[in-house]
PDB file of N, CA and C in Angstrom:
ATOM      1  N   UNK A   1     -63.292 -22.432 -61.977  1.00  0.00           N
ATOM      2  CA  UNK A   1     -64.623 -22.414 -62.547  1.00  0.00           C
ATOM      3  C   UNK A   1     -64.836 -21.068 -63.239  1.00  0.00           C
ATOM      4  N   UNK A   2     -65.340 -21.113 -64.443  1.00  0.00           N
ATOM      5  CA  UNK A   2     -65.635 -19.899 -65.191  1.00  0.00           C
ATOM      6  C   UNK A   2     -67.111 -19.588 -65.013  1.00  0.00           C
ATOM      7  N   UNK A   3     -67.384 -18.353 -64.663  1.00  0.00           N
ATOM      8  CA  UNK A   3     -68.775 -17.939 -64.494  1.00  0.00           C
ATOM      9  C   UNK A   3     -68.987 -16.664 -65.271  1.00  0.00           C
ATOM     10  N   UNK A   4     -70.130 -16.572 -65.903  1.00  0.00           N
ATOM     11  CA  UNK A   4     -70.429 -15.390 -66.703  1.00  0.00           C
ATOM     12  C   UNK A   4     -71.846 -14.927 -66.406  1.00  0.00           C
ATOM     13  N   UNK A   5     -72.043 -13.644 -66.433  1.00  0.00           N
ATOM     14  CA  UNK A   5     -73.380 -13.084 -66.259  1.00  0.00           C
ATOM     15  C   UNK A   5     -73.976 -12.821 -67.633  1.00  0.00           C
ATOM     16  N   UNK A   6     -75.189 -13.235 -67.824  1.00  0.00           N
ATOM     17  CA  UNK A   6     -75.844 -13.049 -69.106  1.00  0.00           C
ATOM     18  C   UNK A   6     -76.567 -11.717 -69.093  1.00  0.00           C
ATOM     19  N   UNK A   7     -76.540 -11.024 -70.205  1.00  0.00           N
ATOM     20  CA  UNK A   7     -77.098  -9.675 -70.259  1.00  0.00           C
ATOM     21  C   UNK A   7     -78.588  -9.643 -70.604  1.00  0.00           C
ATOM     22  N   UNK A   8     -79.167 -10.765 -70.957  1.00  0.00           N
ATOM     23  CA  UNK A   8     -80.590 -10.802 -71.284  1.00  0.00           C
ATOM     24  C   UNK A   8     -81.379 -11.420 -70.141  1.00  0.00           C
ATOM     25  N   UNK A   9     -82.580 -10.927 -69.926  1.00  0.00           N
ATOM     26  CA  UNK A   9     -83.452 -11.451 -68.885  1.00  0.00           C
ATOM     27  C   UNK A   9     -84.231 -12.646 -69.431  1.00  0.00           C
ATOM     28  N   UNK A  10     -84.250 -13.728 -68.685  1.00  0.00           N
ATOM     29  CA  UNK A  10     -85.024 -14.916 -69.051  1.00  0.00           C
ATOM     30  C   UNK A  10     -86.130 -15.095 -68.018  1.00  0.00           C
ATOM     31  N   UNK A  11     -87.344 -14.602 -68.284  1.00  0.00           N
ATOM     32  CA  UNK A  11     -88.420 -14.728 -67.313  1.00  0.00           C
ATOM     33  C   UNK A  11     -88.828 -16.184 -67.066  1.00  0.00           C
ATOM     34  N   UNK A  12     -88.638 -17.043 -68.046  1.00  0.00           N
ATOM     35  CA  UNK A  12     -88.953 -18.469 -67.903  1.00  0.00           C
ATOM     36  C   UNK A  12     -87.835 -19.272 -68.560  1.00  0.00           C
ATOM     37  N   UNK A  13     -86.722 -19.496 -67.852  1.00  0.00           N
ATOM     38  CA  UNK A  13     -85.606 -20.217 -68.459  1.00  0.00           C
ATOM     39  C   UNK A  13     -86.024 -21.617 -68.901  1.00  0.00           C
ATOM     40  N   UNK A  14     -85.446 -22.108 -70.001  1.00  0.00           N
ATOM     41  CA  UNK A  14     -85.834 -23.418 -70.519  1.00  0.00           C
ATOM     42  C   UNK A  14     -85.339 -24.588 -69.674  1.00  0.00           C
ATOM     43  N   UNK A  15     -84.407 -24.350 -68.752  1.00  0.00           N
ATOM     44  CA  UNK A  15     -83.841 -25.420 -67.936  1.00  0.00           C
ATOM     45  C   UNK A  15     -83.217 -24.791 -66.698  1.00  0.00           C
ATOM     46  N   UNK A  16     -82.854 -25.595 -65.717  1.00  0.00           N
ATOM     47  CA  UNK A  16     -82.203 -25.075 -64.521  1.00  0.00           C
ATOM     48  C   UNK A  16     -80.811 -24.542 -64.817  1.00  0.00           C
ATOM     49  N   UNK A  17     -80.106 -25.201 -65.717  1.00  0.00           N
ATOM     50  CA  UNK A  17     -78.741 -24.796 -66.053  1.00  0.00           C
ATOM     51  C   UNK A  17     -78.575 -24.786 -67.570  1.00  0.00           C
ATOM     52  N   UNK A  18     -79.072 -23.743 -68.235  1.00  0.00           N
ATOM     53  CA  UNK A  18     -78.926 -23.703 -69.696  1.00  0.00           C
ATOM     54  C   UNK A  18     -77.511 -23.252 -70.081  1.00  0.00           C
ATOM     55  N   UNK A  19     -76.740 -24.124 -70.695  1.00  0.00           N
ATOM     56  CA  UNK A  19     -75.370 -23.748 -71.064  1.00  0.00           C
ATOM     57  C   UNK A  19     -75.347 -22.787 -72.245  1.00  0.00           C
ATOM     58  N   UNK A  20     -74.579 -21.716 -72.114  1.00  0.00           N
ATOM     59  CA  UNK A  20     -74.394 -20.836 -73.261  1.00  0.00           C
ATOM     60  C   UNK A  20     -72.924 -20.692 -73.618  1.00  0.00           C
ATOM     61  N   UNK A  21     -72.012 -20.996 -72.703  1.00  0.00           N
ATOM     62  CA  UNK A  21     -70.585 -21.054 -72.978  1.00  0.00           C
ATOM     63  C   UNK A  21     -69.991 -22.192 -72.163  1.00  0.00           C
ATOM     64  N   UNK A  22     -69.260 -23.077 -72.811  1.00  0.00           N
ATOM     65  CA  UNK A  22     -68.582 -24.169 -72.111  1.00  0.00           C
ATOM     66  C   UNK A  22     -67.105 -24.095 -72.459  1.00  0.00           C
ATOM     67  N   UNK A  23     -66.290 -23.958 -71.425  1.00  0.00           N
ATOM     68  CA  UNK A  23     -64.851 -23.817 -71.618  1.00  0.00           C
ATOM     69  C   UNK A  23     -64.169 -25.176 -71.475  1.00  0.00           C
ATOM     70  N   UNK A  24     -63.373 -25.532 -72.470  1.00  0.00           N
ATOM     71  CA  UNK A  24     -62.601 -26.772 -72.459  1.00  0.00           C
ATOM     72  C   UNK A  24     -61.214 -26.446 -71.893  1.00  0.00           C
ATOM     73  N   UNK A  25     -60.938 -26.894 -70.682  1.00  0.00           N
ATOM     74  CA  UNK A  25     -59.655 -26.590 -70.038  1.00  0.00           C
ATOM     75  C   UNK A  25     -58.478 -27.218 -70.776  1.00  0.00           C
ATOM     76  N   UNK A  26     -58.685 -28.414 -71.308  1.00  0.00           N
ATOM     77  CA  UNK A  26     -57.605 -29.101 -72.019  1.00  0.00           C
ATOM     78  C   UNK A  26     -57.217 -28.339 -73.287  1.00  0.00           C
ATOM     79  N   UNK A  27     -58.211 -27.942 -74.069  1.00  0.00           N
ATOM     80  CA  UNK A  27     -57.965 -27.206 -75.317  1.00  0.00           C
ATOM     81  C   UNK A  27     -57.725 -25.712 -75.071  1.00  0.00           C
ATOM     82  N   UNK A  28     -58.076 -25.243 -73.875  1.00  0.00           N
ATOM     83  CA  UNK A  28     -57.948 -23.842 -73.476  1.00  0.00           C
ATOM     84  C   UNK A  28     -58.707 -22.894 -74.411  1.00  0.00           C
ATOM     85  N   UNK A  29     -59.953 -23.288 -74.697  1.00  0.00           N
ATOM     86  CA  UNK A  29     -60.829 -22.451 -75.506  1.00  0.00           C
ATOM     87  C   UNK A  29     -62.275 -22.887 -75.279  1.00  0.00           C
ATOM     88  N   UNK A  30     -63.194 -22.032 -75.678  1.00  0.00           N
ATOM     89  CA  UNK A  30     -64.609 -22.362 -75.555  1.00  0.00           C
ATOM     90  C   UNK A  30     -65.024 -23.312 -76.671  1.00  0.00           C
ATOM     91  N   UNK A  31     -65.987 -24.174 -76.375  1.00  0.00           N
ATOM     92  CA  UNK A  31     -66.517 -25.072 -77.397  1.00  0.00           C
ATOM     93  C   UNK A  31     -67.252 -24.261 -78.454  1.00  0.00           C
ATOM     94  N   UNK A  32     -67.211 -24.743 -79.665  1.00  0.00           N
ATOM     95  CA  UNK A  32     -68.004 -24.125 -80.725  1.00  0.00           C
ATOM     96  C   UNK A  32     -69.480 -24.364 -80.408  1.00  0.00           C
ATOM     97  N   UNK A  33     -70.334 -23.601 -81.037  1.00  0.00           N
ATOM     98  CA  UNK A  33     -71.773 -23.772 -80.807  1.00  0.00           C
ATOM     99  C   UNK A  33     -72.242 -25.188 -81.149  1.00  0.00           C
ATOM    100  N   UNK A  34     -71.837 -25.770 -82.298  1.00  0.00           N
ATOM    101  CA  UNK A  34     -72.264 -27.146 -82.578  1.00  0.00           C
ATOM    102  C   UNK A  34     -71.757 -28.160 -81.535  1.00  0.00           C
ATOM    103  N   UNK A  35     -70.512 -28.011 -81.069  1.00  0.00           N
ATOM    104  CA  UNK A  35     -69.987 -28.935 -80.042  1.00  0.00           C
ATOM    105  C   UNK A  35     -70.699 -28.740 -78.713  1.00  0.00           C
ATOM    106  N   UNK A  36     -70.961 -27.488 -78.362  1.00  0.00           N
ATOM    107  CA  UNK A  36     -71.707 -27.210 -77.131  1.00  0.00           C
ATOM    108  C   UNK A  36     -73.094 -27.831 -77.194  1.00  0.00           C
ATOM    109  N   UNK A  37     -73.777 -27.647 -78.321  1.00  0.00           N
ATOM    110  CA  UNK A  37     -75.131 -28.199 -78.468  1.00  0.00           C
ATOM    111  C   UNK A  37     -75.129 -29.720 -78.435  1.00  0.00           C
ATOM    112  N   UNK A  38     -74.133 -30.349 -79.036  1.00  0.00           N
ATOM    113  CA  UNK A  38     -74.038 -31.811 -79.019  1.00  0.00           C
ATOM    114  C   UNK A  38     -73.837 -32.319 -77.591  1.00  0.00           C
ATOM    115  N   UNK A  39     -72.968 -31.653 -76.842  1.00  0.00           N
ATOM    116  CA  UNK A  39     -72.741 -32.046 -75.446  1.00  0.00           C
ATOM    117  C   UNK A  39     -74.000 -31.827 -74.620  1.00  0.00           C
ATOM    118  N   UNK A  40     -74.657 -30.706 -74.812  1.00  0.00           N
ATOM    119  CA  UNK A  40     -75.887 -30.418 -74.077  1.00  0.00           C
ATOM    120  C   UNK A  40     -76.959 -31.469 -74.376  1.00  0.00           C
ATOM    121  N   UNK A  41     -77.073 -31.839 -75.635  1.00  0.00           N
ATOM    122  CA  UNK A  41     -78.070 -32.853 -76.009  1.00  0.00           C
ATOM    123  C   UNK A  41     -77.742 -34.190 -75.344  1.00  0.00           C
ATOM    124  N   UNK A  42     -76.476 -34.549 -75.323  1.00  0.00           N
ATOM    125  CA  UNK A  42     -76.047 -35.811 -74.702  1.00  0.00           C
ATOM    126  C   UNK A  42     -76.371 -35.812 -73.209  1.00  0.00           C
ATOM    127  N   UNK A  43     -76.275 -34.634 -72.565  1.00  0.00           N
ATOM    128  CA  UNK A  43     -76.547 -34.513 -71.134  1.00  0.00           C
ATOM    129  C   UNK A  43     -78.000 -34.146 -70.836  1.00  0.00           C
ATOM    130  N   UNK A  44     -78.821 -34.095 -71.887  1.00  0.00           N
ATOM    131  CA  UNK A  44     -80.249 -33.764 -71.767  1.00  0.00           C
ATOM    132  C   UNK A  44     -80.461 -32.369 -71.185  1.00  0.00           C
ATOM    133  N   UNK A  45     -79.634 -31.411 -71.622  1.00  0.00           N
ATOM    134  CA  UNK A  45     -79.774 -30.015 -71.227  1.00  0.00           C
ATOM    135  C   UNK A  45     -80.340 -29.218 -72.397  1.00  0.00           C
ATOM    136  N   UNK A  46     -81.155 -28.242 -72.094  1.00  0.00           N
ATOM    137  CA  UNK A  46     -81.721 -27.370 -73.112  1.00  0.00           C
ATOM    138  C   UNK A  46     -80.813 -26.158 -73.260  1.00  0.00           C
ATOM    139  N   UNK A  47     -80.414 -25.836 -74.472  1.00  0.00           N
ATOM    140  CA  UNK A  47     -79.541 -24.684 -74.700  1.00  0.00           C
ATOM    141  C   UNK A  47     -80.368 -23.405 -74.828  1.00  0.00           C
ATOM    142  N   UNK A  48     -79.702 -22.294 -74.587  1.00  0.00           N
ATOM    143  CA  UNK A  48     -80.373 -21.005 -74.742  1.00  0.00           C
ATOM    144  C   UNK A  48     -80.536 -20.699 -76.227  1.00  0.00           C
ATOM    145  N   UNK A  49     -81.539 -19.922 -76.599  1.00  0.00           N
ATOM    146  CA  UNK A  49     -81.705 -19.571 -78.008  1.00  0.00           C
ATOM    147  C   UNK A  49     -80.543 -18.709 -78.500  1.00  0.00           C
ATOM    148  N   UNK A  50     -80.122 -18.936 -79.720  1.00  0.00           N
ATOM    149  CA  UNK A  50     -79.033 -18.140 -80.299  1.00  0.00           C
ATOM    150  C   UNK A  50     -79.641 -16.920 -80.980  1.00  0.00           C
ATOM    151  N   UNK A  51     -79.291 -15.748 -80.487  1.00  0.00           N
ATOM    152  CA  UNK A  51     -79.816 -14.498 -81.032  1.00  0.00           C
ATOM    153  C   UNK A  51     -78.900 -13.907 -82.083  1.00  0.00           C
ATOM    154  N   UNK A  52     -77.603 -14.186 -81.973  1.00  0.00           N
ATOM    155  CA  UNK A  52     -76.622 -13.629 -82.901  1.00  0.00           C
ATOM    156  C   UNK A  52     -75.360 -14.487 -82.840  1.00  0.00           C
ATOM    157  N   UNK A  53     -74.465 -14.256 -83.769  1.00  0.00           N
ATOM    158  CA  UNK A  53     -73.216 -15.003 -83.812  1.00  0.00           C
ATOM    159  C   UNK A  53     -72.079 -14.049 -84.143  1.00  0.00           C
ATOM    160  N   UNK A  54     -70.914 -14.286 -83.569  1.00  0.00           N
ATOM    161  CA  UNK A  54     -69.753 -13.450 -83.841  1.00  0.00           C
ATOM    162  C   UNK A  54     -69.693 -12.245 -82.914  1.00  0.00           C
ATOM    163  N   UNK A  55     -68.845 -11.306 -83.258  1.00  0.00           N
ATOM    164  CA  UNK A  55     -68.697 -10.095 -82.441  1.00  0.00           C
ATOM    165  C   UNK A  55     -69.928  -9.210 -82.613  1.00  0.00           C
ATOM    166  N   UNK A  56     -70.331  -8.603 -81.495  1.00  0.00           N
ATOM    167  CA  UNK A  56     -71.520  -7.753 -81.511  1.00  0.00           C
ATOM    168  C   UNK A  56     -71.199  -6.384 -80.928  1.00  0.00           C
ATOM    169  N   UNK A  57     -71.930  -5.403 -81.348  1.00  0.00           N
ATOM    170  CA  UNK A  57     -71.802  -4.053 -80.803  1.00  0.00           C
ATOM    171  C   UNK A  57     -72.829  -3.872 -79.687  1.00  0.00           C
ATOM    172  N   UNK A  58     -72.666  -2.840 -78.903  1.00  0.00           N
ATOM    173  CA  UNK A  58     -73.632  -2.515 -77.864  1.00  0.00           C
ATOM    174  C   UNK A  58     -74.993  -2.241 -78.504  1.00  0.00           C
ATOM    175  N   UNK A  59     -74.997  -1.573 -79.643  1.00  0.00           N
ATOM    176  CA  UNK A  59     -76.254  -1.266 -80.324  1.00  0.00           C
ATOM    177  C   UNK A  59     -76.971  -2.554 -80.752  1.00  0.00           C
ATOM    178  N   UNK A  60     -76.224  -3.554 -81.217  1.00  0.00           N
ATOM    179  CA  UNK A  60     -76.837  -4.819 -81.624  1.00  0.00           C
ATOM    180  C   UNK A  60     -77.444  -5.532 -80.420  1.00  0.00           C
ATOM    181  N   UNK A  61     -76.751  -5.490 -79.288  1.00  0.00           N
ATOM    182  CA  UNK A  61     -77.287  -6.118 -78.077  1.00  0.00           C
ATOM    183  C   UNK A  61     -78.550  -5.402 -77.620  1.00  0.00           C
ATOM    184  N   UNK A  62     -78.546  -4.078 -77.669  1.00  0.00           N
ATOM    185  CA  UNK A  62     -79.733  -3.320 -77.281  1.00  0.00           C
ATOM    186  C   UNK A  62     -80.911  -3.649 -78.193  1.00  0.00           C
ATOM    187  N   UNK A  63     -80.640  -3.862 -79.460  1.00  0.00           N
ATOM    188  CA  UNK A  63     -81.684  -4.242 -80.418  1.00  0.00           C
ATOM    189  C   UNK A  63     -82.270  -5.605 -80.033  1.00  0.00           C
ATOM    190  N   UNK A  64     -81.426  -6.546 -79.655  1.00  0.00           N
ATOM    191  CA  UNK A  64     -81.903  -7.872 -79.227  1.00  0.00           C
ATOM    192  C   UNK A  64     -82.765  -7.758 -77.976  1.00  0.00           C
ATOM    193  N   UNK A  65     -82.344  -6.925 -77.035  1.00  0.00           N
ATOM    194  CA  UNK A  65     -83.142  -6.736 -75.812  1.00  0.00           C
ATOM    195  C   UNK A  65     -84.497  -6.135 -76.138  1.00  0.00           C
ATOM    196  N   UNK A  66     -84.529  -5.174 -77.049  1.00  0.00           N
ATOM    197  CA  UNK A  66     -85.784  -4.511 -77.399  1.00  0.00           C
ATOM    198  C   UNK A  66     -86.759  -5.489 -78.063  1.00  0.00           C
ATOM    199  N   UNK A  67     -86.213  -6.467 -78.810  1.00  0.00           N
ATOM    200  CA  UNK A  67     -87.069  -7.467 -79.455  1.00  0.00           C
ATOM    201  C   UNK A  67     -87.685  -8.408 -78.452  1.00  0.00           C
ATOM    202  N   UNK A  68     -87.028  -8.536 -77.287  1.00  0.00           N
ATOM    203  CA  UNK A  68     -87.546  -9.416 -76.234  1.00  0.00           C
ATOM    204  C   UNK A  68     -87.241 -10.799 -76.525  1.00  0.00           C
TER     205      UNK A  68
END
């Protein structure tokens, strides 16, 4: 089982288990955002909001946190 800690605080999460990364063991890679969202929709799960895409710097993450 893959588990990850999210760096942003969610005072009111949109769901009990909001998926933000789903690992496909068969393909040995994470699902793309569109595939993850399609699977989440099929399972009636609410996804977390996308704040950025691609590689990020610490400064970019701090900027996202400051925006709230």
